[in-house]
Amino acid sequence: MMKEKEAASSAEKVSLHPPFEKAKFDGLVLVCGECQKRSSGPSKLTAKDVRRELKSTLGKERFRLRIAQSSCLGLCPKKSIAVAAAASNAPPMLASVRDDADIAAVAARLSNPSS
């Protein structure tokens, strides 16, 4: 019982000190912008298209996530774009997006992280 009180009080004492601040979102989705530039990259899919489609597919859920384009994520899939996601309530995720069906699958996983 005493340990529980100590853990609770130490959790309350943890605060962010400058230069750190509390984020206004729960997760971050990164879409690789380098994949589309590679010669083995997708021919018709761009990072901007993936970001736009994720935002529209996620709907209201996207407000708790930040979706941003990044430099190389290190996955480097052939004929697809790498997507990485990290949220406070789910383990990190990497995906290779080739088409709209893959984008829908990523969006479904992001909106329901327990699956």
C-alpha atoms as a PDB file:
ATOM      1  CA  MET A   1       0.000   0.000   0.000  1.00  0.00           C
ATOM      2  CA  MET A   2       2.818   2.365   0.871  1.00  0.00           C
ATOM      3  CA  LYS A   3       4.600   1.646  -2.413  1.00  0.00           C
ATOM      4  CA  GLU A   4       1.431   2.478  -4.342  1.00  0.00           C
ATOM      5  CA  LYS A   5       1.212   5.870  -2.620  1.00  0.00           C
ATOM      6  CA  GLU A   6       4.893   6.554  -3.331  1.00  0.00           C
ATOM      7  CA  ALA A   7       4.448   5.615  -6.998  1.00  0.00           C
ATOM      8  CA  ALA A   8       1.373   7.834  -7.304  1.00  0.00           C
ATOM      9  CA  SER A   9       3.087  10.784  -5.643  1.00  0.00           C
ATOM     10  CA  SER A  10       6.228  10.397  -7.766  1.00  0.00           C
ATOM     11  CA  ALA A  11       4.066  10.271 -10.906  1.00  0.00           C
ATOM     12  CA  GLU A  12       2.399  13.515  -9.852  1.00  0.00           C
ATOM     13  CA  LYS A  13       5.792  15.149  -9.293  1.00  0.00           C
ATOM     14  CA  VAL A  14       6.993  14.339 -12.801  1.00  0.00           C
ATOM     15  CA  SER A  15       6.608  17.490 -14.796  1.00  0.00           C
ATOM     16  CA  LEU A  16       8.105  18.809 -17.950  1.00  0.00           C
ATOM     17  CA  HIS A  17      10.791  21.395 -17.561  1.00  0.00           C
ATOM     18  CA  PRO A  18      11.938  23.764 -20.284  1.00  0.00           C
ATOM     19  CA  PRO A  19      12.698  23.208 -23.102  1.00  0.00           C
ATOM     20  CA  PHE A  20      10.141  20.337 -23.020  1.00  0.00           C
ATOM     21  CA  GLU A  21       6.402  20.858 -23.291  1.00  0.00           C
ATOM     22  CA  LYS A  22       3.353  18.613 -23.260  1.00  0.00           C
ATOM     23  CA  ALA A  23       2.253  17.606 -26.750  1.00  0.00           C
ATOM     24  CA  LYS A  24      -1.238  18.488 -27.920  1.00  0.00           C
ATOM     25  CA  PHE A  25      -1.556  15.149 -29.696  1.00  0.00           C
ATOM     26  CA  ASP A  26      -1.348  11.463 -28.742  1.00  0.00           C
ATOM     27  CA  GLY A  27       0.631  10.050 -31.633  1.00  0.00           C
ATOM     28  CA  LEU A  28       2.804  10.776 -34.609  1.00  0.00           C
ATOM     29  CA  VAL A  29       2.590   9.289 -38.103  1.00  0.00           C
ATOM     30  CA  LEU A  30       5.583   9.791 -40.372  1.00  0.00           C
ATOM     31  CA  VAL A  31       5.369   9.283 -44.130  1.00  0.00           C
ATOM     32  CA  CYS A  32       8.721   8.911 -45.905  1.00  0.00           C
ATOM     33  CA  GLY A  33       9.260  11.563 -48.549  1.00  0.00           C
ATOM     34  CA  GLU A  34      12.399   9.888 -49.915  1.00  0.00           C
ATOM     35  CA  CYS A  35      10.636   6.698 -51.094  1.00  0.00           C
ATOM     36  CA  GLN A  36       8.954   8.470 -53.997  1.00  0.00           C
ATOM     37  CA  LYS A  37      12.308   9.825 -55.214  1.00  0.00           C
ATOM     38  CA  ARG A  38      14.065   6.433 -55.440  1.00  0.00           C
ATOM     39  CA  SER A  39      14.268   4.660 -58.785  1.00  0.00           C
ATOM     40  CA  SER A  40      12.725   1.570 -57.126  1.00  0.00           C
ATOM     41  CA  GLY A  41      10.016   3.686 -55.493  1.00  0.00           C
ATOM     42  CA  PRO A  42       6.322   3.779 -56.377  1.00  0.00           C
ATOM     43  CA  SER A  43       5.461   5.016 -59.839  1.00  0.00           C
ATOM     44  CA  LYS A  44       2.141   6.746 -59.112  1.00  0.00           C
ATOM     45  CA  LEU A  45       1.993   7.122 -55.318  1.00  0.00           C
ATOM     46  CA  THR A  46       3.470  10.174 -53.566  1.00  0.00           C
ATOM     47  CA  ALA A  47       4.013  10.934 -49.894  1.00  0.00           C
ATOM     48  CA  LYS A  48       1.599  13.846 -50.198  1.00  0.00           C
ATOM     49  CA  ASP A  49      -1.096  11.490 -51.529  1.00  0.00           C
ATOM     50  CA  VAL A  50      -0.526   9.085 -48.632  1.00  0.00           C
ATOM     51  CA  ARG A  51      -0.747  11.901 -46.055  1.00  0.00           C
ATOM     52  CA  ARG A  52      -3.909  13.305 -47.620  1.00  0.00           C
ATOM     53  CA  GLU A  53      -5.570   9.882 -47.824  1.00  0.00           C
ATOM     54  CA  LEU A  54      -4.652   9.026 -44.222  1.00  0.00           C
ATOM     55  CA  LYS A  55      -6.130  12.299 -43.000  1.00  0.00           C
ATOM     56  CA  SER A  56      -9.379  11.785 -44.880  1.00  0.00           C
ATOM     57  CA  THR A  57      -9.666   8.094 -43.918  1.00  0.00           C
ATOM     58  CA  LEU A  58      -8.972   8.721 -40.237  1.00  0.00           C
ATOM     59  CA  GLY A  59     -11.595  11.457 -40.067  1.00  0.00           C
ATOM     60  CA  LYS A  60     -11.951  12.824 -36.534  1.00  0.00           C
ATOM     61  CA  GLU A  61      -9.286  10.430 -35.234  1.00  0.00           C
ATOM     62  CA  ARG A  62      -6.638  12.412 -37.112  1.00  0.00           C
ATOM     63  CA  PHE A  63      -6.922  15.288 -34.642  1.00  0.00           C
ATOM     64  CA  ARG A  64      -5.293  13.155 -31.966  1.00  0.00           C
ATOM     65  CA  LEU A  65      -2.521  12.201 -34.413  1.00  0.00           C
ATOM     66  CA  ARG A  66      -0.013  14.337 -36.261  1.00  0.00           C
ATOM     67  CA  ILE A  67       0.643  13.148 -39.803  1.00  0.00           C
ATOM     68  CA  ALA A  68       3.861  14.523 -41.253  1.00  0.00           C
ATOM     69  CA  GLN A  69       6.281  13.877 -44.086  1.00  0.00           C
ATOM     70  CA  SER A  70       9.813  12.933 -43.054  1.00  0.00           C
ATOM     71  CA  SER A  71      13.152  12.048 -44.536  1.00  0.00           C
ATOM     72  CA  CYS A  72      14.244   8.406 -44.865  1.00  0.00           C
ATOM     73  CA  LEU A  73      12.809   6.065 -42.230  1.00  0.00           C
ATOM     74  CA  GLY A  74      15.214   3.243 -43.110  1.00  0.00           C
ATOM     75  CA  LEU A  75      12.562   0.745 -44.209  1.00  0.00           C
ATOM     76  CA  CYS A  76      13.103   1.447 -47.953  1.00  0.00           C
ATOM     77  CA  PRO A  77      10.446  -0.886 -49.422  1.00  0.00           C
ATOM     78  CA  LYS A  78      10.413  -1.513 -53.178  1.00  0.00           C
ATOM     79  CA  LYS A  79       7.536   0.043 -55.133  1.00  0.00           C
ATOM     80  CA  SER A  80       5.944   1.465 -51.966  1.00  0.00           C
ATOM     81  CA  ILE A  81       6.205   4.246 -49.385  1.00  0.00           C
ATOM     82  CA  ALA A  82       7.311   3.669 -45.789  1.00  0.00           C
ATOM     83  CA  VAL A  83       5.014   4.803 -42.985  1.00  0.00           C
ATOM     84  CA  ALA A  84       5.938   4.804 -39.294  1.00  0.00           C
ATOM     85  CA  ALA A  85       3.547   5.463 -36.427  1.00  0.00           C
ATOM     86  CA  ALA A  86       4.065   5.869 -32.707  1.00  0.00           C
ATOM     87  CA  ALA A  87       1.302   6.587 -30.215  1.00  0.00           C
ATOM     88  CA  SER A  88       1.132   6.610 -26.453  1.00  0.00           C
ATOM     89  CA  ASN A  89      -1.421   3.775 -26.329  1.00  0.00           C
ATOM     90  CA  ALA A  90       0.120   1.394 -28.906  1.00  0.00           C
ATOM     91  CA  PRO A  91       3.464  -0.079 -29.885  1.00  0.00           C
ATOM     92  CA  PRO A  92       5.409   1.578 -32.742  1.00  0.00           C
ATOM     93  CA  MET A  93       4.372   0.437 -36.208  1.00  0.00           C
ATOM     94  CA  LEU A  94       6.104   0.340 -39.605  1.00  0.00           C
ATOM     95  CA  ALA A  95       4.211  -0.251 -42.850  1.00  0.00           C
ATOM     96  CA  SER A  96       4.900  -0.421 -46.583  1.00  0.00           C
ATOM     97  CA  VAL A  97       2.114   1.373 -48.446  1.00  0.00           C
ATOM     98  CA  ARG A  98       1.613   0.403 -52.099  1.00  0.00           C
ATOM     99  CA  ASP A  99      -1.993   1.382 -52.808  1.00  0.00           C
ATOM    100  CA  ASP A 100      -5.265   2.672 -51.360  1.00  0.00           C
ATOM    101  CA  ALA A 101      -6.010  -0.678 -49.684  1.00  0.00           C
ATOM    102  CA  ASP A 102      -2.749  -0.435 -47.725  1.00  0.00           C
ATOM    103  CA  ILE A 103      -3.561   3.129 -46.706  1.00  0.00           C
ATOM    104  CA  ALA A 104      -6.981   1.983 -45.465  1.00  0.00           C
ATOM    105  CA  ALA A 105      -5.345  -0.850 -43.488  1.00  0.00           C
ATOM    106  CA  VAL A 106      -2.901   1.552 -41.825  1.00  0.00           C
ATOM    107  CA  ALA A 107      -5.729   3.970 -40.992  1.00  0.00           C
ATOM    108  CA  ALA A 108      -7.808   1.137 -39.508  1.00  0.00           C
ATOM    109  CA  ARG A 109      -4.887   0.036 -37.337  1.00  0.00           C
ATOM    110  CA  LEU A 110      -4.261   3.608 -36.170  1.00  0.00           C
ATOM    111  CA  SER A 111      -7.892   4.199 -35.251  1.00  0.00           C
ATOM    112  CA  ASN A 112      -8.098   0.865 -33.390  1.00  0.00           C
ATOM    113  CA  PRO A 113      -4.618   0.162 -31.932  1.00  0.00           C
ATOM    114  CA  SER A 114      -5.737  -2.885 -29.912  1.00  0.00           C
ATOM    115  CA  SER A 115      -6.224  -5.013 -33.044  1.00  0.00           C
END
